[in-house]
PDB file of N, CA and C in Angstrom:
ATOM      1  N   MET A   1     114.907  92.899 102.432  1.00  0.00           N
ATOM      2  CA  MET A   1     113.518  92.518 102.662  1.00  0.00           C
ATOM      3  C   MET A   1     112.613  93.722 102.362  1.00  0.00           C
ATOM      4  N   THR A   2     111.542  93.467 101.704  1.00  0.00           N
ATOM      5  CA  THR A   2     110.548  94.494 101.432  1.00  0.00           C
ATOM      6  C   THR A   2     109.431  94.364 102.458  1.00  0.00           C
ATOM      7  N   TRP A   3     109.014  95.492 102.989  1.00  0.00           N
ATOM      8  CA  TRP A   3     107.977  95.519 104.014  1.00  0.00           C
ATOM      9  C   TRP A   3     106.585  95.527 103.379  1.00  0.00           C
ATOM     10  N   PRO A   4     105.570  95.039 104.104  1.00  0.00           N
ATOM     11  CA  PRO A   4     104.215  94.997 103.554  1.00  0.00           C
ATOM     12  C   PRO A   4     103.705  96.363 103.080  1.00  0.00           C
ATOM     13  N   ARG A   5     104.030  97.422 103.780  1.00  0.00           N
ATOM     14  CA  ARG A   5     103.574  98.754 103.349  1.00  0.00           C
ATOM     15  C   ARG A   5     104.228  99.172 102.048  1.00  0.00           C
ATOM     16  N   GLU A   6     105.451  98.745 101.828  1.00  0.00           N
ATOM     17  CA  GLU A   6     106.121  99.054 100.560  1.00  0.00           C
ATOM     18  C   GLU A   6     105.452  98.307  99.411  1.00  0.00           C
ATOM     19  N   TYR A   7     105.130  97.046  99.632  1.00  0.00           N
ATOM     20  CA  TYR A   7     104.378  96.302  98.616  1.00  0.00           C
ATOM     21  C   TYR A   7     103.050  97.010  98.340  1.00  0.00           C
ATOM     22  N   ALA A   8     102.350  97.402  99.396  1.00  0.00           N
ATOM     23  CA  ALA A   8     101.052  98.058  99.241  1.00  0.00           C
ATOM     24  C   ALA A   8     101.192  99.361  98.455  1.00  0.00           C
ATOM     25  N   ARG A   9     102.221 100.145  98.739  1.00  0.00           N
ATOM     26  CA  ARG A   9     102.437 101.397  98.021  1.00  0.00           C
ATOM     27  C   ARG A   9     102.593 101.150  96.535  1.00  0.00           C
ATOM     28  N   GLN A  10     103.351 100.128  96.187  1.00  0.00           N
ATOM     29  CA  GLN A  10     103.566  99.799  94.780  1.00  0.00           C
ATOM     30  C   GLN A  10     102.284  99.288  94.122  1.00  0.00           C
ATOM     31  N   ILE A  11     101.528  98.490  94.844  1.00  0.00           N
ATOM     32  CA  ILE A  11     100.292  97.919  94.296  1.00  0.00           C
ATOM     33  C   ILE A  11      99.245  99.012  94.076  1.00  0.00           C
ATOM     34  N   ILE A  12      99.097  99.900  95.029  1.00  0.00           N
ATOM     35  CA  ILE A  12      98.098 100.962  94.916  1.00  0.00           C
ATOM     36  C   ILE A  12      98.384 101.873  93.734  1.00  0.00           C
ATOM     37  N   ALA A  13      99.637 102.040  93.388  1.00  0.00           N
ATOM     38  CA  ALA A  13     100.012 102.922  92.281  1.00  0.00           C
ATOM     39  C   ALA A  13      99.659 102.333  90.914  1.00  0.00           C
ATOM     40  N   MET A  14      99.307 101.065  90.865  1.00  0.00           N
ATOM     41  CA  MET A  14      98.984 100.430  89.581  1.00  0.00           C
ATOM     42  C   MET A  14      97.621 100.897  89.085  1.00  0.00           C
ATOM     43  N   ARG A  15      97.465 100.900  87.756  1.00  0.00           N
ATOM     44  CA  ARG A  15      96.286 101.494  87.125  1.00  0.00           C
ATOM     45  C   ARG A  15      95.040 100.603  87.151  1.00  0.00           C
ATOM     46  N   THR A  16      95.190  99.312  86.919  1.00  0.00           N
ATOM     47  CA  THR A  16      94.014  98.457  86.800  1.00  0.00           C
ATOM     48  C   THR A  16      93.920  97.466  87.957  1.00  0.00           C
ATOM     49  N   ARG A  17      92.710  97.011  88.170  1.00  0.00           N
ATOM     50  CA  ARG A  17      92.475  96.032  89.227  1.00  0.00           C
ATOM     51  C   ARG A  17      93.198  94.722  88.931  1.00  0.00           C
ATOM     52  N   GLU A  18      93.220  94.332  87.657  1.00  0.00           N
ATOM     53  CA  GLU A  18      93.906  93.094  87.275  1.00  0.00           C
ATOM     54  C   GLU A  18      95.397  93.176  87.609  1.00  0.00           C
ATOM     55  N   GLU A  19      96.003  94.319  87.328  1.00  0.00           N
ATOM     56  CA  GLU A  19      97.423  94.504  87.666  1.00  0.00           C
ATOM     57  C   GLU A  19      97.623  94.415  89.174  1.00  0.00           C
ATOM     58  N   ARG A  20      96.744  95.058  89.927  1.00  0.00           N
ATOM     59  CA  ARG A  20      96.869  95.043  91.388  1.00  0.00           C
ATOM     60  C   ARG A  20      96.703  93.638  91.947  1.00  0.00           C
ATOM     61  N   ASN A  21      95.720  92.889  91.442  1.00  0.00           N
ATOM     62  CA  ASN A  21      95.509  91.515  91.914  1.00  0.00           C
ATOM     63  C   ASN A  21      96.696  90.623  91.580  1.00  0.00           C
ATOM     64  N   ALA A  22      97.249  90.780  90.376  1.00  0.00           N
ATOM     65  CA  ALA A  22      98.412  89.982  89.984  1.00  0.00           C
ATOM     66  C   ALA A  22      99.615  90.317  90.865  1.00  0.00           C
ATOM     67  N   ALA A  23      99.796  91.599  91.159  1.00  0.00           N
ATOM     68  CA  ALA A  23     100.929  92.016  92.000  1.00  0.00           C
ATOM     69  C   ALA A  23     100.767  91.482  93.420  1.00  0.00           C
ATOM     70  N   LEU A  24      99.537  91.450  93.913  1.00  0.00           N
ATOM     71  CA  LEU A  24      99.314  90.926  95.262  1.00  0.00           C
ATOM     72  C   LEU A  24      99.695  89.450  95.341  1.00  0.00           C
ATOM     73  N   LEU A  25      99.467  88.724  94.273  1.00  0.00           N
ATOM     74  CA  LEU A  25      99.853  87.314  94.256  1.00  0.00           C
ATOM     75  C   LEU A  25     101.366  87.121  94.249  1.00  0.00           C
ATOM     76  N   GLU A  26     102.103  88.141  93.844  1.00  0.00           N
ATOM     77  CA  GLU A  26     103.566  88.079  93.834  1.00  0.00           C
ATOM     78  C   GLU A  26     104.172  88.341  95.219  1.00  0.00           C
ATOM     79  N   VAL A  27     103.367  88.878  96.124  1.00  0.00           N
ATOM     80  CA  VAL A  27     103.837  89.149  97.486  1.00  0.00           C
ATOM     81  C   VAL A  27     104.043  87.812  98.197  1.00  0.00           C
ATOM     82  N   PRO A  28     105.123  87.666  98.971  1.00  0.00           N
ATOM     83  CA  PRO A  28     105.318  86.418  99.716  1.00  0.00           C
ATOM     84  C   PRO A  28     104.081  86.085 100.553  1.00  0.00           C
ATOM     85  N   GLU A  29     103.764  84.808 100.580  1.00  0.00           N
ATOM     86  CA  GLU A  29     102.517  84.357 101.201  1.00  0.00           C
ATOM     87  C   GLU A  29     102.365  84.810 102.652  1.00  0.00           C
ATOM     88  N   HIS A  30     103.453  84.794 103.411  1.00  0.00           N
ATOM     89  CA  HIS A  30     103.354  85.158 104.826  1.00  0.00           C
ATOM     90  C   HIS A  30     103.097  86.659 105.033  1.00  0.00           C
ATOM     91  N   LEU A  31     103.253  87.471 103.991  1.00  0.00           N
ATOM     92  CA  LEU A  31     102.995  88.913 104.081  1.00  0.00           C
ATOM     93  C   LEU A  31     101.740  89.340 103.320  1.00  0.00           C
ATOM     94  N   ARG A  32     101.127  88.417 102.621  1.00  0.00           N
ATOM     95  CA  ARG A  32     100.049  88.757 101.687  1.00  0.00           C
ATOM     96  C   ARG A  32      98.814  89.357 102.374  1.00  0.00           C
ATOM     97  N   GLU A  33      98.346  88.754 103.450  1.00  0.00           N
ATOM     98  CA  GLU A  33      97.145  89.272 104.112  1.00  0.00           C
ATOM     99  C   GLU A  33      97.372  90.668 104.682  1.00  0.00           C
ATOM    100  N   LEU A  34      98.511  90.886 105.298  1.00  0.00           N
ATOM    101  CA  LEU A  34      98.816  92.203 105.855  1.00  0.00           C
ATOM    102  C   LEU A  34      98.944  93.241 104.738  1.00  0.00           C
ATOM    103  N   THR A  35      99.576  92.860 103.653  1.00  0.00           N
ATOM    104  CA  THR A  35      99.708  93.758 102.507  1.00  0.00           C
ATOM    105  C   THR A  35      98.338  94.087 101.932  1.00  0.00           C
ATOM    106  N   LYS A  36      97.492  93.085 101.823  1.00  0.00           N
ATOM    107  CA  LYS A  36      96.132  93.303 101.319  1.00  0.00           C
ATOM    108  C   LYS A  36      95.383  94.273 102.220  1.00  0.00           C
ATOM    109  N   ARG A  37      95.527  94.121 103.522  1.00  0.00           N
ATOM    110  CA  ARG A  37      94.861  95.006 104.479  1.00  0.00           C
ATOM    111  C   ARG A  37      95.381  96.440 104.321  1.00  0.00           C
ATOM    112  N   HIS A  38      96.685  96.607 104.143  1.00  0.00           N
ATOM    113  CA  HIS A  38      97.251  97.944 103.920  1.00  0.00           C
ATOM    114  C   HIS A  38      96.673  98.566 102.644  1.00  0.00           C
ATOM    115  N   CYS A  39      96.558  97.768 101.600  1.00  0.00           N
ATOM    116  CA  CYS A  39      95.998  98.258 100.332  1.00  0.00           C
ATOM    117  C   CYS A  39      94.549  98.698 100.523  1.00  0.00           C
ATOM    118  N   LEU A  40      93.759  97.882 101.179  1.00  0.00           N
ATOM    119  CA  LEU A  40      92.350  98.219 101.391  1.00  0.00           C
ATOM    120  C   LEU A  40      92.200  99.459 102.262  1.00  0.00           C
ATOM    121  N   ASN A  41      93.027  99.572 103.285  1.00  0.00           N
ATOM    122  CA  ASN A  41      92.962 100.756 104.145  1.00  0.00           C
ATOM    123  C   ASN A  41      93.289 102.019 103.361  1.00  0.00           C
ATOM    124  N   ALA A  42      94.320 101.956 102.549  1.00  0.00           N
ATOM    125  CA  ALA A  42      94.709 103.118 101.750  1.00  0.00           C
ATOM    126  C   ALA A  42      93.645 103.433 100.706  1.00  0.00           C
ATOM    127  N   TRP A  43      93.107 102.402 100.079  1.00  0.00           N
ATOM    128  CA  TRP A  43      92.113 102.591  99.015  1.00  0.00           C
ATOM    129  C   TRP A  43      90.841 103.230  99.563  1.00  0.00           C
ATOM    130  N   ASN A  44      90.439 102.847 100.784  1.00  0.00           N
ATOM    131  CA  ASN A  44      89.193 103.332 101.375  1.00  0.00           C
ATOM    132  C   ASN A  44      89.380 104.535 102.293  1.00  0.00           C
ATOM    133  N   HIS A  45      90.573 105.078 102.362  1.00  0.00           N
ATOM    134  CA  HIS A  45      90.849 106.200 103.253  1.00  0.00           C
ATOM    135  C   HIS A  45      90.085 107.447 102.782  1.00  0.00           C
ATOM    136  N   PRO A  46      89.484 108.204 103.704  1.00  0.00           N
ATOM    137  CA  PRO A  46      88.714 109.390 103.318  1.00  0.00           C
ATOM    138  C   PRO A  46      89.534 110.423 102.526  1.00  0.00           C
ATOM    139  N   ALA A  47      90.803 110.558 102.815  1.00  0.00           N
ATOM    140  CA  ALA A  47      91.629 111.532 102.098  1.00  0.00           C
ATOM    141  C   ALA A  47      91.739 111.175 100.617  1.00  0.00           C
ATOM    142  N   ARG A  48      91.741 109.907 100.286  1.00  0.00           N
ATOM    143  CA  ARG A  48      91.800 109.496  98.883  1.00  0.00           C
ATOM    144  C   ARG A  48      90.534 109.926  98.150  1.00  0.00           C
ATOM    145  N   LYS A  49      89.402 109.762  98.803  1.00  0.00           N
ATOM    146  CA  LYS A  49      88.128 110.164  98.195  1.00  0.00           C
ATOM    147  C   LYS A  49      88.108 111.677  97.973  1.00  0.00           C
ATOM    148  N   GLN A  50      88.603 112.440  98.923  1.00  0.00           N
ATOM    149  CA  GLN A  50      88.637 113.898  98.786  1.00  0.00           C
ATOM    150  C   GLN A  50      89.546 114.309  97.633  1.00  0.00           C
ATOM    151  N   ARG A  51      90.711 113.666  97.493  1.00  0.00           N
ATOM    152  CA  ARG A  51      91.620 113.983  96.387  1.00  0.00           C
ATOM    153  C   ARG A  51      90.975 113.655  95.056  1.00  0.00           C
ATOM    154  N   LYS A  52      90.283 112.530  94.988  1.00  0.00           N
ATOM    155  CA  LYS A  52      89.625 112.119  93.746  1.00  0.00           C
ATOM    156  C   LYS A  52      88.537 113.118  93.360  1.00  0.00           C
ATOM    157  N   GLU A  53      87.746 113.566  94.328  1.00  0.00           N
ATOM    158  CA  GLU A  53      86.698 114.556  94.063  1.00  0.00           C
ATOM    159  C   GLU A  53      87.306 115.881  93.622  1.00  0.00           C
ATOM    160  N   ALA A  54      88.405 116.278  94.232  1.00  0.00           N
ATOM    161  CA  ALA A  54      89.069 117.526  93.872  1.00  0.00           C
ATOM    162  C   ALA A  54      89.610 117.463  92.445  1.00  0.00           C
ATOM    163  N   GLN A  55      90.162 116.326  92.058  1.00  0.00           N
ATOM    164  CA  GLN A  55      90.674 116.169  90.692  1.00  0.00           C
ATOM    165  C   GLN A  55      89.544 116.238  89.683  1.00  0.00           C
ATOM    166  N   GLN A  56      88.405 115.643  89.993  1.00  0.00           N
ATOM    167  CA  GLN A  56      87.275 115.641  89.069  1.00  0.00           C
ATOM    168  C   GLN A  56      86.688 117.045  88.910  1.00  0.00           C
ATOM    169  N   SER A  57      86.702 117.845  89.958  1.00  0.00           N
ATOM    170  CA  SER A  57      86.148 119.190  89.866  1.00  0.00           C
ATOM    171  C   SER A  57      87.047 120.112  89.044  1.00  0.00           C
ATOM    172  N   HIS A  58      88.336 119.795  88.954  1.00  0.00           N
ATOM    173  CA  HIS A  58      89.275 120.593  88.166  1.00  0.00           C
ATOM    174  C   HIS A  58      89.259 120.225  86.691  1.00  0.00           C
ATOM    175  N   GLU A  59      88.683 119.099  86.362  1.00  0.00           N
ATOM    176  CA  GLU A  59      88.689 118.651  84.961  1.00  0.00           C
ATOM    177  C   GLU A  59      87.567 119.241  84.165  1.00  0.00           C
TER     178      GLU A  59
END
């Protein structure tokens, strides 16, 4: 069995929104909302924004 956080980790690593949305639809229905919530939490986490800003300043 794959856990919702594992699905979220794989989805977040994808490059495009279309890929992420398609992958979310592949998640079993009973885990989909929780997986979506994990993805949104990770995507909106302040540490992600700081890493993104740090990468842009190095480029």
